[in-house]
PDB file of N, CA and C in Angstrom:
ATOM      1  N   MET A   1       5.686 -10.368  56.712  1.00  0.00           N
ATOM      2  CA  MET A   1       4.696 -11.024  55.888  1.00  0.00           C
ATOM      3  C   MET A   1       4.164 -10.072  54.804  1.00  0.00           C
ATOM      4  N   LYS A   2       3.960  -8.812  55.162  1.00  0.00           N
ATOM      5  CA  LYS A   2       3.465  -7.841  54.208  1.00  0.00           C
ATOM      6  C   LYS A   2       4.479  -7.648  53.077  1.00  0.00           C
ATOM      7  N   PHE A   3       5.752  -7.615  53.414  1.00  0.00           N
ATOM      8  CA  PHE A   3       6.800  -7.467  52.405  1.00  0.00           C
ATOM      9  C   PHE A   3       6.755  -8.636  51.422  1.00  0.00           C
ATOM     10  N   PHE A   4       6.580  -9.842  51.926  1.00  0.00           N
ATOM     11  CA  PHE A   4       6.533 -11.032  51.075  1.00  0.00           C
ATOM     12  C   PHE A   4       5.372 -10.946  50.082  1.00  0.00           C
ATOM     13  N   LYS A   5       4.209 -10.500  50.528  1.00  0.00           N
ATOM     14  CA  LYS A   5       3.048 -10.378  49.645  1.00  0.00           C
ATOM     15  C   LYS A   5       3.302  -9.345  48.549  1.00  0.00           C
ATOM     16  N   GLN A   6       3.892  -8.213  48.926  1.00  0.00           N
ATOM     17  CA  GLN A   6       4.185  -7.178  47.938  1.00  0.00           C
ATOM     18  C   GLN A   6       5.223  -7.672  46.933  1.00  0.00           C
ATOM     19  N   PHE A   7       6.254  -8.321  47.436  1.00  0.00           N
ATOM     20  CA  PHE A   7       7.294  -8.853  46.557  1.00  0.00           C
ATOM     21  C   PHE A   7       6.702  -9.882  45.590  1.00  0.00           C
ATOM     22  N   PHE A   8       5.870 -10.763  46.103  1.00  0.00           N
ATOM     23  CA  PHE A   8       5.241 -11.786  45.275  1.00  0.00           C
ATOM     24  C   PHE A   8       4.359 -11.147  44.202  1.00  0.00           C
ATOM     25  N   LEU A   9       3.582 -10.143  44.574  1.00  0.00           N
ATOM     26  CA  LEU A   9       2.694  -9.473  43.631  1.00  0.00           C
ATOM     27  C   LEU A   9       3.490  -8.763  42.534  1.00  0.00           C
ATOM     28  N   ILE A  10       4.537  -8.075  42.907  1.00  0.00           N
ATOM     29  CA  ILE A  10       5.369  -7.370  41.920  1.00  0.00           C
ATOM     30  C   ILE A  10       6.043  -8.369  40.984  1.00  0.00           C
ATOM     31  N   THR A  11       6.550  -9.447  41.543  1.00  0.00           N
ATOM     32  CA  THR A  11       7.195 -10.473  40.727  1.00  0.00           C
ATOM     33  C   THR A  11       6.198 -11.108  39.763  1.00  0.00           C
ATOM     34  N   LEU A  12       5.015 -11.389  40.244  1.00  0.00           N
ATOM     35  CA  LEU A  12       3.974 -11.970  39.402  1.00  0.00           C
ATOM     36  C   LEU A  12       3.611 -11.029  38.254  1.00  0.00           C
ATOM     37  N   CYS A  13       3.455  -9.760  38.543  1.00  0.00           N
ATOM     38  CA  CYS A  13       3.135  -8.769  37.502  1.00  0.00           C
ATOM     39  C   CYS A  13       4.256  -8.681  36.472  1.00  0.00           C
ATOM     40  N   PHE A  14       5.488  -8.720  36.931  1.00  0.00           N
ATOM     41  CA  PHE A  14       6.632  -8.643  36.027  1.00  0.00           C
ATOM     42  C   PHE A  14       6.624  -9.817  35.055  1.00  0.00           C
ATOM     43  N   PHE A  15       6.481 -11.027  35.568  1.00  0.00           N
ATOM     44  CA  PHE A  15       6.499 -12.199  34.700  1.00  0.00           C
ATOM     45  C   PHE A  15       5.289 -12.250  33.780  1.00  0.00           C
ATOM     46  N   TYR A  16       4.171 -11.743  34.224  1.00  0.00           N
ATOM     47  CA  TYR A  16       2.986 -11.698  33.375  1.00  0.00           C
ATOM     48  C   TYR A  16       3.233 -10.793  32.165  1.00  0.00           C
ATOM     49  N   THR A  17       3.829  -9.633  32.389  1.00  0.00           N
ATOM     50  CA  THR A  17       4.084  -8.719  31.274  1.00  0.00           C
ATOM     51  C   THR A  17       5.144  -9.277  30.343  1.00  0.00           C
ATOM     52  N   VAL A  18       6.138  -9.961  30.881  1.00  0.00           N
ATOM     53  CA  VAL A  18       7.168 -10.562  30.036  1.00  0.00           C
ATOM     54  C   VAL A  18       6.552 -11.648  29.160  1.00  0.00           C
ATOM     55  N   CYS A  19       5.687 -12.453  29.718  1.00  0.00           N
ATOM     56  CA  CYS A  19       5.030 -13.514  28.942  1.00  0.00           C
ATOM     57  C   CYS A  19       4.150 -12.922  27.845  1.00  0.00           C
ATOM     58  N   ASN A  20       3.432 -11.877  28.140  1.00  0.00           N
ATOM     59  CA  ASN A  20       2.584 -11.244  27.125  1.00  0.00           C
ATOM     60  C   ASN A  20       3.416 -10.629  26.018  1.00  0.00           C
ATOM     61  N   TYR A  21       4.510 -10.010  26.359  1.00  0.00           N
ATOM     62  CA  TYR A  21       5.359  -9.387  25.355  1.00  0.00           C
ATOM     63  C   TYR A  21       5.962 -10.443  24.435  1.00  0.00           C
ATOM     64  N   SER A  22       6.301 -11.588  24.975  1.00  0.00           N
ATOM     65  CA  SER A  22       6.925 -12.626  24.161  1.00  0.00           C
ATOM     66  C   SER A  22       5.948 -13.255  23.181  1.00  0.00           C
ATOM     67  N   GLN A  23       4.665 -13.048  23.349  1.00  0.00           N
ATOM     68  CA  GLN A  23       3.668 -13.630  22.467  1.00  0.00           C
ATOM     69  C   GLN A  23       3.356 -12.751  21.261  1.00  0.00           C
ATOM     70  N   THR A  24       3.852 -11.532  21.224  1.00  0.00           N
ATOM     71  CA  THR A  24       3.551 -10.653  20.103  1.00  0.00           C
ATOM     72  C   THR A  24       4.384 -11.056  18.893  1.00  0.00           C
ATOM     73  N   PRO A  25       3.777 -11.096  17.718  1.00  0.00           N
ATOM     74  CA  PRO A  25       4.536 -11.484  16.527  1.00  0.00           C
ATOM     75  C   PRO A  25       5.600 -10.447  16.197  1.00  0.00           C
ATOM     76  N   THR A  26       6.732 -10.921  15.723  1.00  0.00           N
ATOM     77  CA  THR A  26       7.830 -10.017  15.419  1.00  0.00           C
ATOM     78  C   THR A  26       7.866  -9.645  13.943  1.00  0.00           C
ATOM     79  N   LYS A  27       7.199 -10.408  13.108  1.00  0.00           N
ATOM     80  CA  LYS A  27       7.203 -10.111  11.685  1.00  0.00           C
ATOM     81  C   LYS A  27       5.905  -9.421  11.297  1.00  0.00           C
ATOM     82  N   LYS A  28       6.018  -8.507  10.365  1.00  0.00           N
ATOM     83  CA  LYS A  28       4.847  -7.789   9.880  1.00  0.00           C
ATOM     84  C   LYS A  28       4.316  -8.468   8.624  1.00  0.00           C
ATOM     85  N   ALA A  29       3.033  -8.342   8.431  1.00  0.00           N
ATOM     86  CA  ALA A  29       2.403  -8.887   7.234  1.00  0.00           C
ATOM     87  C   ALA A  29       2.758  -8.023   6.023  1.00  0.00           C
ATOM     88  N   HIS A  30       2.938  -8.687   4.894  1.00  0.00           N
ATOM     89  CA  HIS A  30       3.249  -8.021   3.627  1.00  0.00           C
ATOM     90  C   HIS A  30       2.179  -8.399   2.609  1.00  0.00           C
ATOM     91  N   PRO A  31       1.986  -7.572   1.608  1.00  0.00           N
ATOM     92  CA  PRO A  31       1.024  -7.933   0.559  1.00  0.00           C
ATOM     93  C   PRO A  31       1.422  -9.253  -0.101  1.00  0.00           C
ATOM     94  N   LEU A  32       0.435 -10.087  -0.381  1.00  0.00           N
ATOM     95  CA  LEU A  32       0.702 -11.384  -0.999  1.00  0.00           C
ATOM     96  C   LEU A  32       1.423 -11.214  -2.326  1.00  0.00           C
ATOM     97  N   LEU A  33       1.091 -10.188  -3.067  1.00  0.00           N
ATOM     98  CA  LEU A  33       1.747  -9.945  -4.353  1.00  0.00           C
ATOM     99  C   LEU A  33       3.258  -9.812  -4.177  1.00  0.00           C
ATOM    100  N   ASP A  34       3.698  -9.101  -3.140  1.00  0.00           N
ATOM    101  CA  ASP A  34       5.133  -8.951  -2.875  1.00  0.00           C
ATOM    102  C   ASP A  34       5.772 -10.281  -2.500  1.00  0.00           C
ATOM    103  N   VAL A  35       5.072 -11.063  -1.696  1.00  0.00           N
ATOM    104  CA  VAL A  35       5.597 -12.370  -1.276  1.00  0.00           C
ATOM    105  C   VAL A  35       5.725 -13.296  -2.483  1.00  0.00           C
ATOM    106  N   LEU A  36       4.737 -13.268  -3.373  1.00  0.00           N
ATOM    107  CA  LEU A  36       4.803 -14.099  -4.576  1.00  0.00           C
ATOM    108  C   LEU A  36       5.939 -13.664  -5.492  1.00  0.00           C
ATOM    109  N   THR A  37       6.179 -12.371  -5.587  1.00  0.00           N
ATOM    110  CA  THR A  37       7.274 -11.862  -6.410  1.00  0.00           C
ATOM    111  C   THR A  37       8.619 -12.348  -5.886  1.00  0.00           C
ATOM    112  N   VAL A  38       8.787 -12.341  -4.579  1.00  0.00           N
ATOM    113  CA  VAL A  38      10.029 -12.841  -3.972  1.00  0.00           C
ATOM    114  C   VAL A  38      10.191 -14.329  -4.277  1.00  0.00           C
ATOM    115  N   ALA A  39       9.111 -15.087  -4.155  1.00  0.00           N
ATOM    116  CA  ALA A  39       9.168 -16.528  -4.430  1.00  0.00           C
ATOM    117  C   ALA A  39       9.499 -16.795  -5.897  1.00  0.00           C
ATOM    118  N   GLU A  40       8.937 -15.997  -6.793  1.00  0.00           N
ATOM    119  CA  GLU A  40       9.232 -16.169  -8.218  1.00  0.00           C
ATOM    120  C   GLU A  40      10.716 -15.997  -8.496  1.00  0.00           C
ATOM    121  N   LYS A  41      11.316 -14.999  -7.894  1.00  0.00           N
ATOM    122  CA  LYS A  41      12.750 -14.757  -8.096  1.00  0.00           C
ATOM    123  C   LYS A  41      13.595 -15.834  -7.422  1.00  0.00           C
ATOM    124  N   GLN A  42      13.196 -16.234  -6.228  1.00  0.00           N
ATOM    125  CA  GLN A  42      13.985 -17.208  -5.472  1.00  0.00           C
ATOM    126  C   GLN A  42      13.999 -18.577  -6.152  1.00  0.00           C
ATOM    127  N   TYR A  43      12.855 -19.028  -6.636  1.00  0.00           N
ATOM    128  CA  TYR A  43      12.749 -20.378  -7.195  1.00  0.00           C
ATOM    129  C   TYR A  43      12.734 -20.403  -8.721  1.00  0.00           C
ATOM    130  N   ASN A  44      12.843 -19.243  -9.355  1.00  0.00           N
ATOM    131  CA  ASN A  44      12.830 -19.133 -10.810  1.00  0.00           C
ATOM    132  C   ASN A  44      11.557 -19.775 -11.390  1.00  0.00           C
ATOM    133  N   ILE A  45      10.425 -19.333 -10.862  1.00  0.00           N
ATOM    134  CA  ILE A  45       9.118 -19.830 -11.288  1.00  0.00           C
ATOM    135  C   ILE A  45       8.224 -18.641 -11.609  1.00  0.00           C
ATOM    136  N   THR A  46       7.037 -18.920 -12.123  1.00  0.00           N
ATOM    137  CA  THR A  46       6.066 -17.868 -12.414  1.00  0.00           C
ATOM    138  C   THR A  46       4.712 -18.262 -11.841  1.00  0.00           C
ATOM    139  N   PHE A  47       4.094 -17.345 -11.127  1.00  0.00           N
ATOM    140  CA  PHE A  47       2.731 -17.530 -10.643  1.00  0.00           C
ATOM    141  C   PHE A  47       1.794 -16.814 -11.593  1.00  0.00           C
ATOM    142  N   THR A  48       0.684 -17.447 -11.923  1.00  0.00           N
ATOM    143  CA  THR A  48      -0.352 -16.830 -12.738  1.00  0.00           C
ATOM    144  C   THR A  48      -1.595 -16.706 -11.870  1.00  0.00           C
ATOM    145  N   TYR A  49      -2.150 -15.500 -11.814  1.00  0.00           N
ATOM    146  CA  TYR A  49      -3.279 -15.256 -10.917  1.00  0.00           C
ATOM    147  C   TYR A  49      -4.051 -14.037 -11.396  1.00  0.00           C
ATOM    148  N   ALA A  50      -5.283 -13.937 -10.955  1.00  0.00           N
ATOM    149  CA  ALA A  50      -6.089 -12.744 -11.208  1.00  0.00           C
ATOM    150  C   ALA A  50      -5.702 -11.697 -10.164  1.00  0.00           C
ATOM    151  N   ASP A  51      -5.452 -10.484 -10.607  1.00  0.00           N
ATOM    152  CA  ASP A  51      -5.021  -9.424  -9.690  1.00  0.00           C
ATOM    153  C   ASP A  51      -5.992  -9.231  -8.530  1.00  0.00           C
ATOM    154  N   LYS A  52      -7.283  -9.302  -8.820  1.00  0.00           N
ATOM    155  CA  LYS A  52      -8.276  -9.098  -7.757  1.00  0.00           C
ATOM    156  C   LYS A  52      -8.242 -10.215  -6.721  1.00  0.00           C
ATOM    157  N   THR A  53      -7.743 -11.374  -7.111  1.00  0.00           N
ATOM    158  CA  THR A  53      -7.674 -12.499  -6.178  1.00  0.00           C
ATOM    159  C   THR A  53      -6.629 -12.259  -5.095  1.00  0.00           C
ATOM    160  N   VAL A  54      -5.505 -11.666  -5.458  1.00  0.00           N
ATOM    161  CA  VAL A  54      -4.400 -11.531  -4.501  1.00  0.00           C
ATOM    162  C   VAL A  54      -4.253 -10.132  -3.917  1.00  0.00           C
ATOM    163  N   GLU A  55      -4.981  -9.163  -4.428  1.00  0.00           N
ATOM    164  CA  GLU A  55      -4.732  -7.782  -4.005  1.00  0.00           C
ATOM    165  C   GLU A  55      -5.106  -7.493  -2.551  1.00  0.00           C
ATOM    166  N   ASN A  56      -6.023  -8.228  -1.972  1.00  0.00           N
ATOM    167  CA  ASN A  56      -6.451  -7.938  -0.602  1.00  0.00           C
ATOM    168  C   ASN A  56      -5.795  -8.821   0.450  1.00  0.00           C
ATOM    169  N   PHE A  57      -4.932  -9.727   0.028  1.00  0.00           N
ATOM    170  CA  PHE A  57      -4.264 -10.619   0.969  1.00  0.00           C
ATOM    171  C   PHE A  57      -2.995  -9.991   1.517  1.00  0.00           C
ATOM    172  N   GLU A  58      -2.803 -10.137   2.815  1.00  0.00           N
ATOM    173  CA  GLU A  58      -1.530  -9.792   3.451  1.00  0.00           C
ATOM    174  C   GLU A  58      -1.141 -10.971   4.325  1.00  0.00           C
ATOM    175  N   ILE A  59       0.106 -11.422   4.193  1.00  0.00           N
ATOM    176  CA  ILE A  59       0.575 -12.554   4.991  1.00  0.00           C
ATOM    177  C   ILE A  59       1.966 -12.258   5.526  1.00  0.00           C
ATOM    178  N   ILE A  60       2.334 -13.000   6.543  1.00  0.00           N
ATOM    179  CA  ILE A  60       3.702 -12.932   7.048  1.00  0.00           C
ATOM    180  C   ILE A  60       4.564 -13.707   6.064  1.00  0.00           C
ATOM    181  N   PRO A  61       5.641 -13.121   5.565  1.00  0.00           N
ATOM    182  CA  PRO A  61       6.472 -13.805   4.568  1.00  0.00           C
ATOM    183  C   PRO A  61       6.997 -15.148   5.076  1.00  0.00           C
ATOM    184  N   TYR A  62       7.171 -16.070   4.148  1.00  0.00           N
ATOM    185  CA  TYR A  62       7.686 -17.394   4.472  1.00  0.00           C
ATOM    186  C   TYR A  62       9.181 -17.325   4.779  1.00  0.00           C
ATOM    187  N   ASN A  63       9.677 -18.359   5.407  1.00  0.00           N
ATOM    188  CA  ASN A  63      11.107 -18.468   5.686  1.00  0.00           C
ATOM    189  C   ASN A  63      11.805 -18.821   4.373  1.00  0.00           C
ATOM    190  N   THR A  64      12.787 -18.048   3.964  1.00  0.00           N
ATOM    191  CA  THR A  64      13.423 -18.243   2.662  1.00  0.00           C
ATOM    192  C   THR A  64      14.285 -19.497   2.595  1.00  0.00           C
ATOM    193  N   THR A  65      14.444 -20.199   3.705  1.00  0.00           N
ATOM    194  CA  THR A  65      15.200 -21.453   3.677  1.00  0.00           C
ATOM    195  C   THR A  65      14.312 -22.645   3.328  1.00  0.00           C
ATOM    196  N   LEU A  66      13.016 -22.423   3.170  1.00  0.00           N
ATOM    197  CA  LEU A  66      12.095 -23.504   2.822  1.00  0.00           C
ATOM    198  C   LEU A  66      12.300 -23.934   1.377  1.00  0.00           C
ATOM    199  N   SER A  67      11.994 -25.189   1.103  1.00  0.00           N
ATOM    200  CA  SER A  67      12.013 -25.673  -0.276  1.00  0.00           C
ATOM    201  C   SER A  67      10.790 -25.118  -1.005  1.00  0.00           C
ATOM    202  N   LEU A  68      10.764 -25.299  -2.319  1.00  0.00           N
ATOM    203  CA  LEU A  68       9.617 -24.819  -3.096  1.00  0.00           C
ATOM    204  C   LEU A  68       8.333 -25.492  -2.626  1.00  0.00           C
ATOM    205  N   LYS A  69       8.387 -26.792  -2.414  1.00  0.00           N
ATOM    206  CA  LYS A  69       7.199 -27.531  -1.972  1.00  0.00           C
ATOM    207  C   LYS A  69       6.720 -27.021  -0.615  1.00  0.00           C
ATOM    208  N   GLU A  70       7.642 -26.771   0.300  1.00  0.00           N
ATOM    209  CA  GLU A  70       7.287 -26.259   1.627  1.00  0.00           C
ATOM    210  C   GLU A  70       6.728 -24.843   1.536  1.00  0.00           C
ATOM    211  N   THR A  71       7.288 -24.045   0.630  1.00  0.00           N
ATOM    212  CA  THR A  71       6.807 -22.677   0.443  1.00  0.00           C
ATOM    213  C   THR A  71       5.373 -22.673  -0.079  1.00  0.00           C
ATOM    214  N   ILE A  72       5.090 -23.517  -1.060  1.00  0.00           N
ATOM    215  CA  ILE A  72       3.731 -23.608  -1.599  1.00  0.00           C
ATOM    216  C   ILE A  72       2.767 -24.067  -0.512  1.00  0.00           C
ATOM    217  N   SER A  73       3.189 -25.016   0.291  1.00  0.00           N
ATOM    218  CA  SER A  73       2.352 -25.489   1.397  1.00  0.00           C
ATOM    219  C   SER A  73       2.075 -24.358   2.382  1.00  0.00           C
ATOM    220  N   TYR A  74       3.101 -23.570   2.693  1.00  0.00           N
ATOM    221  CA  TYR A  74       2.920 -22.425   3.592  1.00  0.00           C
ATOM    222  C   TYR A  74       1.927 -21.427   2.992  1.00  0.00           C
ATOM    223  N   LEU A  75       2.083 -21.132   1.704  1.00  0.00           N
ATOM    224  CA  LEU A  75       1.187 -20.176   1.047  1.00  0.00           C
ATOM    225  C   LEU A  75      -0.255 -20.690   1.027  1.00  0.00           C
ATOM    226  N   LYS A  76      -0.424 -21.982   0.792  1.00  0.00           N
ATOM    227  CA  LYS A  76      -1.774 -22.570   0.815  1.00  0.00           C
ATOM    228  C   LYS A  76      -2.416 -22.399   2.188  1.00  0.00           C
ATOM    229  N   ASN A  77      -1.655 -22.688   3.223  1.00  0.00           N
ATOM    230  CA  ASN A  77      -2.196 -22.584   4.582  1.00  0.00           C
ATOM    231  C   ASN A  77      -2.460 -21.138   4.990  1.00  0.00           C
ATOM    232  N   ALA A  78      -1.596 -20.228   4.563  1.00  0.00           N
ATOM    233  CA  ALA A  78      -1.721 -18.828   4.971  1.00  0.00           C
ATOM    234  C   ALA A  78      -2.832 -18.098   4.222  1.00  0.00           C
ATOM    235  N   THR A  79      -3.129 -18.531   2.990  1.00  0.00           N
ATOM    236  CA  THR A  79      -4.088 -17.793   2.167  1.00  0.00           C
ATOM    237  C   THR A  79      -5.368 -18.560   1.869  1.00  0.00           C
ATOM    238  N   LYS A  80      -5.348 -19.865   2.036  1.00  0.00           N
ATOM    239  CA  LYS A  80      -6.479 -20.738   1.672  1.00  0.00           C
ATOM    240  C   LYS A  80      -6.757 -20.710   0.171  1.00  0.00           C
ATOM    241  N   LEU A  81      -5.749 -20.318  -0.620  1.00  0.00           N
ATOM    242  CA  LEU A  81      -5.853 -20.359  -2.077  1.00  0.00           C
ATOM    243  C   LEU A  81      -5.317 -21.694  -2.572  1.00  0.00           C
ATOM    244  N   ASN A  82      -5.717 -22.087  -3.782  1.00  0.00           N
ATOM    245  CA  ASN A  82      -5.214 -23.319  -4.392  1.00  0.00           C
ATOM    246  C   ASN A  82      -4.056 -22.989  -5.320  1.00  0.00           C
ATOM    247  N   PHE A  83      -3.013 -23.780  -5.254  1.00  0.00           N
ATOM    248  CA  PHE A  83      -1.856 -23.627  -6.124  1.00  0.00           C
ATOM    249  C   PHE A  83      -1.711 -24.914  -6.924  1.00  0.00           C
ATOM    250  N   THR A  84      -1.555 -24.785  -8.250  1.00  0.00           N
ATOM    251  CA  THR A  84      -1.435 -25.939  -9.131  1.00  0.00           C
ATOM    252  C   THR A  84      -0.162 -25.804  -9.954  1.00  0.00           C
ATOM    253  N   PHE A  85       0.609 -26.889 -10.022  1.00  0.00           N
ATOM    254  CA  PHE A  85       1.803 -26.902 -10.865  1.00  0.00           C
ATOM    255  C   PHE A  85       1.395 -27.278 -12.281  1.00  0.00           C
ATOM    256  N   LEU A  86       1.839 -26.499 -13.255  1.00  0.00           N
ATOM    257  CA  LEU A  86       1.524 -26.794 -14.661  1.00  0.00           C
ATOM    258  C   LEU A  86       2.763 -27.277 -15.376  1.00  0.00           C
TER     259      LEU A  86
END
């Protein structure tokens, strides 16, 4: 019986650490300015913004398989900034 309790406790600890490790994000945040530059090149567009507005933002880059509309939606949600098409 003692062996079963020890085995159960060790197994429980193992799975707990595996679950915690799987929750850590794998992508690092990048400056918003860099992310916007990548989007400009990818979609052949230009963003106009005040430097002070974007200089303090860091976000996880978007998936490059997204459409332009999906990318703008991602950027809106990640930064809470407004994007307008001109």
